């Protein structure tokens, strides 16, 4: 999925707090609900997977289940 025009790239390791974090959270929630993956959000913002996951859960987002093939039980 393509970014929505707001590519919020930040310096690696710099803390994001306050209004800046709220703004970033709103953008991430909007993009995640639009279908982007956590990994693609992390790559486009320059932040870690864990940071994006934490911001989304703090924002109350219902995270999607993992994709891919499901294993079947052996009979």
N, C-alpha and C. Protein backbone atom coordinates (compact mmCIF):
# COMPACT_ATOMS: atom_id res chain seq x y z
N UNK A 1 0.84 -1.18 0.00
CA UNK A 1 0.00 0.00 0.00
C UNK A 1 0.88 1.24 0.00
N UNK A 2 0.44 2.25 -0.65
CA UNK A 2 1.20 3.49 -0.70
C UNK A 2 0.88 4.36 0.50
N UNK A 3 1.84 5.16 0.88
CA UNK A 3 1.64 6.07 2.01
C UNK A 3 0.61 7.12 1.62
N UNK A 4 0.00 7.73 2.61
CA UNK A 4 -1.06 8.72 2.35
C UNK A 4 -0.52 10.14 2.22
N UNK A 5 0.74 10.25 1.83
CA UNK A 5 1.29 11.58 1.64
C UNK A 5 2.03 12.11 2.85
N UNK A 6 1.84 11.52 4.00
CA UNK A 6 2.52 11.97 5.21
C UNK A 6 3.56 10.95 5.61
N UNK A 7 4.71 11.06 5.03
CA UNK A 7 5.81 10.16 5.35
C UNK A 7 6.59 10.78 6.50
N UNK A 8 6.25 10.39 7.70
CA UNK A 8 6.84 10.97 8.90
C UNK A 8 8.10 10.22 9.26
N UNK A 9 9.22 10.64 8.70
CA UNK A 9 10.49 10.00 9.02
C UNK A 9 11.17 10.81 10.11
N UNK A 10 11.69 10.11 11.10
CA UNK A 10 12.32 10.79 12.22
C UNK A 10 13.73 10.27 12.41
N UNK A 11 14.51 11.01 13.18
CA UNK A 11 15.86 10.57 13.48
C UNK A 11 15.82 9.29 14.28
N UNK A 12 16.69 8.37 13.93
CA UNK A 12 16.72 7.08 14.62
C UNK A 12 17.14 7.29 16.07
N UNK A 13 16.38 6.70 16.98
CA UNK A 13 16.71 6.75 18.39
C UNK A 13 16.20 7.97 19.14
N UNK A 14 15.65 8.94 18.43
CA UNK A 14 15.13 10.15 19.08
C UNK A 14 13.77 9.86 19.67
N UNK A 15 13.56 10.28 20.91
CA UNK A 15 12.27 10.07 21.57
C UNK A 15 11.20 10.91 20.90
N UNK A 16 10.03 10.31 20.77
CA UNK A 16 8.88 11.02 20.21
C UNK A 16 7.83 11.07 21.31
N UNK A 17 7.55 12.27 21.80
CA UNK A 17 6.62 12.45 22.92
C UNK A 17 5.67 13.60 22.65
N UNK A 18 4.66 13.69 23.48
CA UNK A 18 3.74 14.83 23.44
C UNK A 18 2.92 14.91 22.17
N UNK A 19 2.77 16.13 21.69
CA UNK A 19 1.92 16.39 20.52
C UNK A 19 2.46 15.70 19.28
N UNK A 20 3.78 15.62 19.16
CA UNK A 20 4.38 14.96 18.00
C UNK A 20 3.99 13.47 17.96
N UNK A 21 4.00 12.83 19.14
CA UNK A 21 3.63 11.42 19.21
C UNK A 21 2.15 11.22 18.89
N UNK A 22 1.31 12.13 19.37
CA UNK A 22 -0.12 12.04 19.08
C UNK A 22 -0.39 12.19 17.60
N UNK A 23 0.30 13.12 16.97
CA UNK A 23 0.15 13.34 15.54
C UNK A 23 0.60 12.12 14.76
N UNK A 24 1.75 11.56 15.14
CA UNK A 24 2.27 10.36 14.49
C UNK A 24 1.31 9.20 14.70
N UNK A 25 0.77 9.06 15.90
CA UNK A 25 -0.17 7.97 16.21
C UNK A 25 -1.41 8.05 15.33
N UNK A 26 -1.96 9.25 15.18
CA UNK A 26 -3.15 9.42 14.33
C UNK A 26 -2.86 9.00 12.90
N UNK A 27 -1.71 9.40 12.39
CA UNK A 27 -1.32 9.05 11.03
C UNK A 27 -1.13 7.54 10.89
N UNK A 28 -0.47 6.92 11.87
CA UNK A 28 -0.23 5.48 11.82
C UNK A 28 -1.53 4.69 11.90
N UNK A 29 -2.44 5.12 12.77
CA UNK A 29 -3.74 4.45 12.90
C UNK A 29 -4.50 4.52 11.58
N UNK A 30 -4.52 5.69 10.98
CA UNK A 30 -5.22 5.89 9.71
C UNK A 30 -4.65 4.98 8.63
N UNK A 31 -3.33 4.93 8.55
CA UNK A 31 -2.68 4.11 7.52
C UNK A 31 -2.85 2.62 7.80
N UNK A 32 -2.76 2.20 9.07
CA UNK A 32 -2.93 0.79 9.42
C UNK A 32 -4.36 0.34 9.13
N UNK A 33 -5.33 1.16 9.50
CA UNK A 33 -6.73 0.83 9.21
C UNK A 33 -7.02 0.85 7.72
N UNK A 34 -6.19 1.55 6.96
CA UNK A 34 -6.32 1.58 5.51
C UNK A 34 -5.71 0.36 4.83
N UNK A 35 -5.06 -0.50 5.61
CA UNK A 35 -4.54 -1.74 5.04
C UNK A 35 -3.04 -1.92 5.07
N UNK A 36 -2.28 -0.91 5.46
CA UNK A 36 -0.83 -1.07 5.51
C UNK A 36 -0.43 -1.97 6.66
N UNK A 37 0.67 -2.66 6.49
CA UNK A 37 1.15 -3.55 7.55
C UNK A 37 2.03 -2.77 8.53
N UNK A 38 2.24 -3.38 9.70
CA UNK A 38 3.12 -2.76 10.69
C UNK A 38 4.52 -2.65 10.12
N UNK A 39 4.97 -3.68 9.41
CA UNK A 39 6.31 -3.65 8.83
C UNK A 39 6.49 -2.54 7.80
N UNK A 40 5.48 -2.31 6.97
CA UNK A 40 5.59 -1.24 5.99
C UNK A 40 5.55 0.13 6.66
N UNK A 41 4.78 0.26 7.73
CA UNK A 41 4.75 1.51 8.49
C UNK A 41 6.10 1.78 9.13
N UNK A 42 6.72 0.72 9.67
CA UNK A 42 8.03 0.85 10.30
C UNK A 42 9.07 1.29 9.27
N UNK A 43 9.03 0.68 8.10
CA UNK A 43 10.00 1.02 7.06
C UNK A 43 9.83 2.46 6.57
N UNK A 44 8.59 2.90 6.41
CA UNK A 44 8.36 4.24 5.87
C UNK A 44 8.64 5.35 6.89
N UNK A 45 8.55 5.03 8.18
CA UNK A 45 8.80 6.05 9.21
C UNK A 45 10.21 6.00 9.76
N UNK A 46 10.92 4.92 9.50
CA UNK A 46 12.27 4.78 10.03
C UNK A 46 12.29 4.37 11.50
N UNK A 47 11.17 3.84 11.99
CA UNK A 47 11.07 3.38 13.37
C UNK A 47 11.01 1.86 13.38
N UNK A 48 11.12 1.26 14.56
CA UNK A 48 11.12 -0.19 14.67
C UNK A 48 9.70 -0.75 14.63
N UNK A 49 9.63 -2.05 14.35
CA UNK A 49 8.36 -2.76 14.38
C UNK A 49 7.72 -2.62 15.76
N UNK A 50 8.53 -2.80 16.81
CA UNK A 50 8.04 -2.73 18.18
C UNK A 50 7.47 -1.37 18.53
N UNK A 51 8.10 -0.31 18.05
CA UNK A 51 7.61 1.04 18.31
C UNK A 51 6.24 1.24 17.66
N UNK A 52 6.12 0.83 16.41
CA UNK A 52 4.85 0.99 15.69
C UNK A 52 3.76 0.16 16.37
N UNK A 53 4.09 -1.07 16.75
CA UNK A 53 3.14 -1.95 17.43
C UNK A 53 2.67 -1.31 18.73
N UNK A 54 3.60 -0.75 19.50
CA UNK A 54 3.27 -0.11 20.78
C UNK A 54 2.37 1.10 20.58
N UNK A 55 2.69 1.94 19.61
CA UNK A 55 1.89 3.15 19.35
C UNK A 55 0.46 2.76 18.94
N UNK A 56 0.35 1.73 18.10
CA UNK A 56 -0.98 1.30 17.66
C UNK A 56 -1.80 0.73 18.82
N UNK A 57 -1.18 -0.08 19.67
CA UNK A 57 -1.92 -0.65 20.79
C UNK A 57 -2.28 0.42 21.82
N UNK A 58 -1.39 1.38 22.03
CA UNK A 58 -1.70 2.50 22.93
C UNK A 58 -2.87 3.31 22.42
N UNK A 59 -3.03 3.35 21.10
CA UNK A 59 -4.11 4.10 20.48
C UNK A 59 -5.42 3.32 20.46
N UNK A 60 -5.40 2.07 20.93
CA UNK A 60 -6.62 1.28 21.01
C UNK A 60 -7.00 0.58 19.72
N UNK A 61 -6.06 0.41 18.81
CA UNK A 61 -6.35 -0.23 17.53
C UNK A 61 -6.46 -1.75 17.73
N UNK A 62 -7.47 -2.35 17.09
CA UNK A 62 -7.61 -3.80 17.08
C UNK A 62 -6.67 -4.31 15.99
N UNK A 63 -5.59 -4.98 16.39
CA UNK A 63 -4.59 -5.45 15.43
C UNK A 63 -5.12 -6.65 14.66
N UNK A 64 -4.73 -6.73 13.39
CA UNK A 64 -5.13 -7.85 12.54
C UNK A 64 -4.32 -9.09 12.91
N UNK A 65 -4.89 -10.24 12.61
CA UNK A 65 -4.17 -11.49 12.83
C UNK A 65 -3.10 -11.64 11.75
N UNK A 66 -2.13 -12.49 12.04
CA UNK A 66 -1.09 -12.75 11.07
C UNK A 66 -1.67 -13.47 9.87
N UNK A 67 -1.10 -13.21 8.71
CA UNK A 67 -1.56 -13.86 7.48
C UNK A 67 -0.78 -15.12 7.21
N UNK A 68 -1.00 -15.68 6.06
CA UNK A 68 -0.25 -16.86 5.66
C UNK A 68 -1.04 -18.14 5.83
N UNK A 69 -0.40 -19.22 5.39
CA UNK A 69 -1.05 -20.54 5.44
C UNK A 69 -1.18 -21.01 6.88
N UNK A 70 -2.25 -21.68 7.15
CA UNK A 70 -2.51 -22.24 8.48
C UNK A 70 -2.07 -23.70 8.48
N UNK A 71 -1.49 -24.12 9.58
CA UNK A 71 -1.10 -25.52 9.71
C UNK A 71 -2.31 -26.33 10.15
N UNK A 72 -2.40 -27.53 9.62
CA UNK A 72 -3.50 -28.42 9.98
C UNK A 72 -2.99 -29.47 10.94
N UNK A 73 -3.84 -29.89 11.84
CA UNK A 73 -3.48 -30.95 12.76
C UNK A 73 -3.42 -32.27 12.01
N UNK A 74 -2.44 -33.08 12.36
CA UNK A 74 -2.36 -34.41 11.75
C UNK A 74 -3.40 -35.31 12.39
N UNK A 75 -4.07 -36.08 11.57
CA UNK A 75 -5.14 -36.97 12.07
C UNK A 75 -4.59 -38.21 12.72
